[in-house]
Amino acid sequence: MVITMKKLPGPQLSLTADIGRVGQAGPVRQKTRPVKQHFALMELIVAIGIISIALFPLAYGLRQEGRNMKALYYRAVAEQVLDGQREILAAGAWRKYSGGQNKLIIASKAFENLPAGDLKLEVSELDGGKVRLVLSWKAIDFKGIGEIRKEATVTK
């Protein structure tokens, strides 16, 4: 009868006694990692640190760019809506409003997607029977859009 032993993967244990310590005999773990692996691990840690330091400003810049793009989108939508409303007012709808500043309410699906804002219509009379209409919108909480003004001059 022949008994064969298989070598298992991983660190091998020695069943020899540890002579260096008196009274404690047991398995001794053999060192299997070469020193080069420790340097590779340290190099990997430093490389991850350098990449992390380089990516933080990049991530911040991309976040700021996203906010700027959102503000530009909101401004473009608001300008389109105010252009359409200016045309409606210039066609004669301005007669429903009194002189001075008026709060304006627009029924527009596109305008509902914008952040909360203050929409005003200023009606002022000019010489020669003309009326000046100034339509303005400014976002209340969202920064970066600024005030949007559209003007029209119509005859009475």
Protein backbone atom coordinates (compact mmCIF):
# COMPACT_ATOMS: atom_id res chain seq x y z
CA MET A 1 0.00 0.00 0.00
CA VAL A 2 1.47 3.35 -1.11
CA ILE A 3 0.34 6.68 0.33
CA THR A 4 0.96 9.80 -1.74
CA MET A 5 0.56 13.34 -0.46
CA LYS A 6 -0.63 16.21 -2.63
CA LYS A 7 0.94 19.61 -2.33
CA LEU A 8 -1.81 22.14 -1.58
CA PRO A 9 -1.77 25.68 -2.97
CA GLY A 10 -0.89 28.57 -0.66
CA PRO A 11 1.72 28.94 2.04
CA GLN A 12 3.22 25.68 3.25
CA LEU A 13 3.51 24.91 6.92
CA SER A 14 6.47 23.13 8.38
CA LEU A 15 5.87 20.62 11.13
CA THR A 16 9.31 21.05 12.59
CA ALA A 17 9.73 22.39 16.08
CA ASP A 18 10.68 25.99 16.61
CA ILE A 19 13.98 25.62 18.41
CA GLY A 20 14.36 29.33 19.08
CA ARG A 21 11.60 29.37 21.70
CA VAL A 22 11.84 26.93 24.52
CA GLY A 23 8.69 25.03 25.32
CA GLN A 24 6.72 26.13 22.28
CA ALA A 25 6.76 23.68 19.46
CA GLY A 26 4.40 24.00 16.57
CA PRO A 27 4.01 24.81 12.91
CA VAL A 28 6.24 27.56 11.57
CA ARG A 29 5.05 29.64 8.64
CA GLN A 30 7.58 29.91 5.88
CA LYS A 31 8.10 33.23 4.13
CA THR A 32 6.92 32.84 0.53
CA ARG A 33 6.56 36.46 -0.71
CA PRO A 34 9.57 37.98 -2.32
CA VAL A 35 10.53 41.51 -1.32
CA LYS A 36 9.70 42.80 -4.82
CA GLN A 37 5.99 42.28 -4.22
CA HIS A 38 6.07 44.75 -1.32
CA PHE A 39 7.60 47.40 -3.55
CA ALA A 40 4.93 46.76 -6.18
CA LEU A 41 2.20 47.16 -3.56
CA MET A 42 3.72 50.43 -2.34
CA GLU A 43 3.99 51.68 -5.92
CA LEU A 44 0.34 50.80 -6.49
CA ILE A 45 -0.73 52.74 -3.38
CA VAL A 46 1.25 55.81 -4.49
CA ALA A 47 -0.22 55.61 -8.00
CA ILE A 48 -3.77 55.46 -6.61
CA GLY A 49 -2.99 58.50 -4.44
CA ILE A 50 -1.70 60.50 -7.41
CA ILE A 51 -4.73 59.60 -9.51
CA SER A 52 -7.07 60.57 -6.66
CA ILE A 53 -5.38 63.95 -6.25
CA ALA A 54 -5.67 64.59 -10.00
CA LEU A 55 -9.33 63.52 -10.22
CA PHE A 56 -10.72 65.72 -7.42
CA PRO A 57 -10.33 69.01 -9.34
CA LEU A 58 -11.58 67.33 -12.49
CA ALA A 59 -14.73 66.10 -10.74
CA TYR A 60 -15.35 69.55 -9.26
CA GLY A 61 -14.90 71.16 -12.67
CA LEU A 62 -17.36 68.76 -14.28
CA ARG A 63 -19.91 69.48 -11.55
CA GLN A 64 -19.54 73.23 -12.12
CA GLU A 65 -19.82 72.73 -15.87
CA GLY A 66 -23.09 70.84 -15.33
CA ARG A 67 -24.50 73.74 -13.33
CA ASN A 68 -23.47 76.20 -16.04
CA MET A 69 -25.11 74.08 -18.74
CA LYS A 70 -28.31 73.92 -16.69
CA ALA A 71 -28.32 77.71 -16.29
CA LEU A 72 -27.80 78.17 -20.04
CA TYR A 73 -30.65 75.77 -20.78
CA TYR A 74 -32.99 77.60 -18.38
CA ARG A 75 -32.02 80.94 -19.92
CA ALA A 76 -32.68 79.69 -23.46
CA VAL A 77 -36.10 78.30 -22.53
CA ALA A 78 -37.05 81.50 -20.69
CA GLU A 79 -35.98 83.64 -23.66
CA GLN A 80 -38.07 81.56 -26.07
CA VAL A 81 -41.14 81.74 -23.83
CA LEU A 82 -40.75 85.50 -23.29
CA ASP A 83 -40.32 86.06 -27.04
CA GLY A 84 -43.61 84.29 -27.68
CA GLN A 85 -45.35 86.18 -24.88
CA ARG A 86 -44.00 89.48 -26.21
CA GLU A 87 -45.53 88.72 -29.61
CA ILE A 88 -48.88 87.92 -27.98
CA LEU A 89 -48.78 91.15 -25.97
CA ALA A 90 -47.75 93.22 -28.99
CA ALA A 91 -50.68 91.77 -30.96
CA GLY A 92 -53.09 93.46 -28.55
CA ALA A 93 -53.20 91.43 -25.33
CA TRP A 94 -51.41 94.28 -23.52
CA ARG A 95 -54.72 96.19 -23.30
CA LYS A 96 -55.85 93.88 -20.45
CA TYR A 97 -53.14 95.31 -18.19
CA SER A 98 -53.02 98.70 -16.49
CA GLY A 99 -50.11 101.12 -16.72
CA GLY A 100 -47.10 100.49 -14.49
CA GLN A 101 -45.85 97.12 -13.29
CA ASN A 102 -48.09 94.08 -13.50
CA LYS A 103 -47.49 90.54 -12.33
CA LEU A 104 -47.93 88.23 -15.29
CA ILE A 105 -49.00 84.58 -15.31
CA ILE A 106 -48.16 82.47 -18.36
CA ALA A 107 -49.84 79.16 -19.19
CA SER A 108 -46.90 77.40 -20.82
CA LYS A 109 -45.64 73.85 -20.31
CA ALA A 110 -42.07 74.95 -21.03
CA PHE A 111 -42.32 77.74 -18.46
CA GLU A 112 -43.43 75.21 -15.82
CA ASN A 113 -40.05 73.43 -16.14
CA LEU A 114 -38.12 76.56 -15.19
CA PRO A 115 -37.15 77.31 -11.60
CA ALA A 116 -39.46 79.60 -9.63
CA GLY A 117 -39.14 83.16 -10.86
CA ASP A 118 -40.68 86.59 -10.88
CA LEU A 119 -42.42 87.50 -14.16
CA LYS A 120 -43.37 91.15 -14.62
CA LEU A 121 -44.89 93.27 -17.34
CA GLU A 122 -44.30 97.02 -17.32
CA VAL A 123 -46.64 99.10 -19.45
CA SER A 124 -45.69 102.75 -20.00
CA GLU A 125 -47.05 105.35 -22.40
CA LEU A 126 -44.72 107.17 -24.76
CA ASP A 127 -45.20 110.32 -26.82
CA GLY A 128 -47.06 110.03 -30.11
CA GLY A 129 -49.67 107.50 -28.93
CA LYS A 130 -47.20 104.66 -28.48
CA VAL A 131 -46.95 102.21 -25.61
CA ARG A 132 -43.75 100.59 -24.38
CA LEU A 133 -44.02 97.02 -23.10
CA VAL A 134 -41.18 95.59 -21.00
CA LEU A 135 -41.45 91.92 -20.12
CA SER A 136 -38.92 90.67 -17.55
CA TRP A 137 -38.26 87.41 -15.70
CA LYS A 138 -35.73 86.63 -12.99
CA ALA A 139 -35.20 83.31 -11.21
CA ILE A 140 -35.63 83.54 -7.44
CA ASP A 141 -33.45 80.71 -6.14
CA PHE A 142 -31.35 79.62 -9.11
CA LYS A 143 -28.13 81.57 -9.70
CA GLY A 144 -26.39 82.06 -13.01
CA ILE A 145 -29.38 82.91 -15.20
CA GLY A 146 -29.69 86.63 -14.56
CA GLU A 147 -32.64 88.79 -15.53
CA ILE A 148 -34.17 88.38 -18.97
CA ARG A 149 -35.86 91.43 -20.50
CA LYS A 150 -37.86 91.69 -23.69
CA GLU A 151 -39.16 95.03 -24.95
CA ALA A 152 -41.72 96.02 -27.55
CA THR A 153 -43.19 99.33 -28.66
CA VAL A 154 -46.74 99.30 -30.01
CA THR A 155 -49.23 101.93 -31.11
CA LYS A 156 -52.49 102.41 -29.26
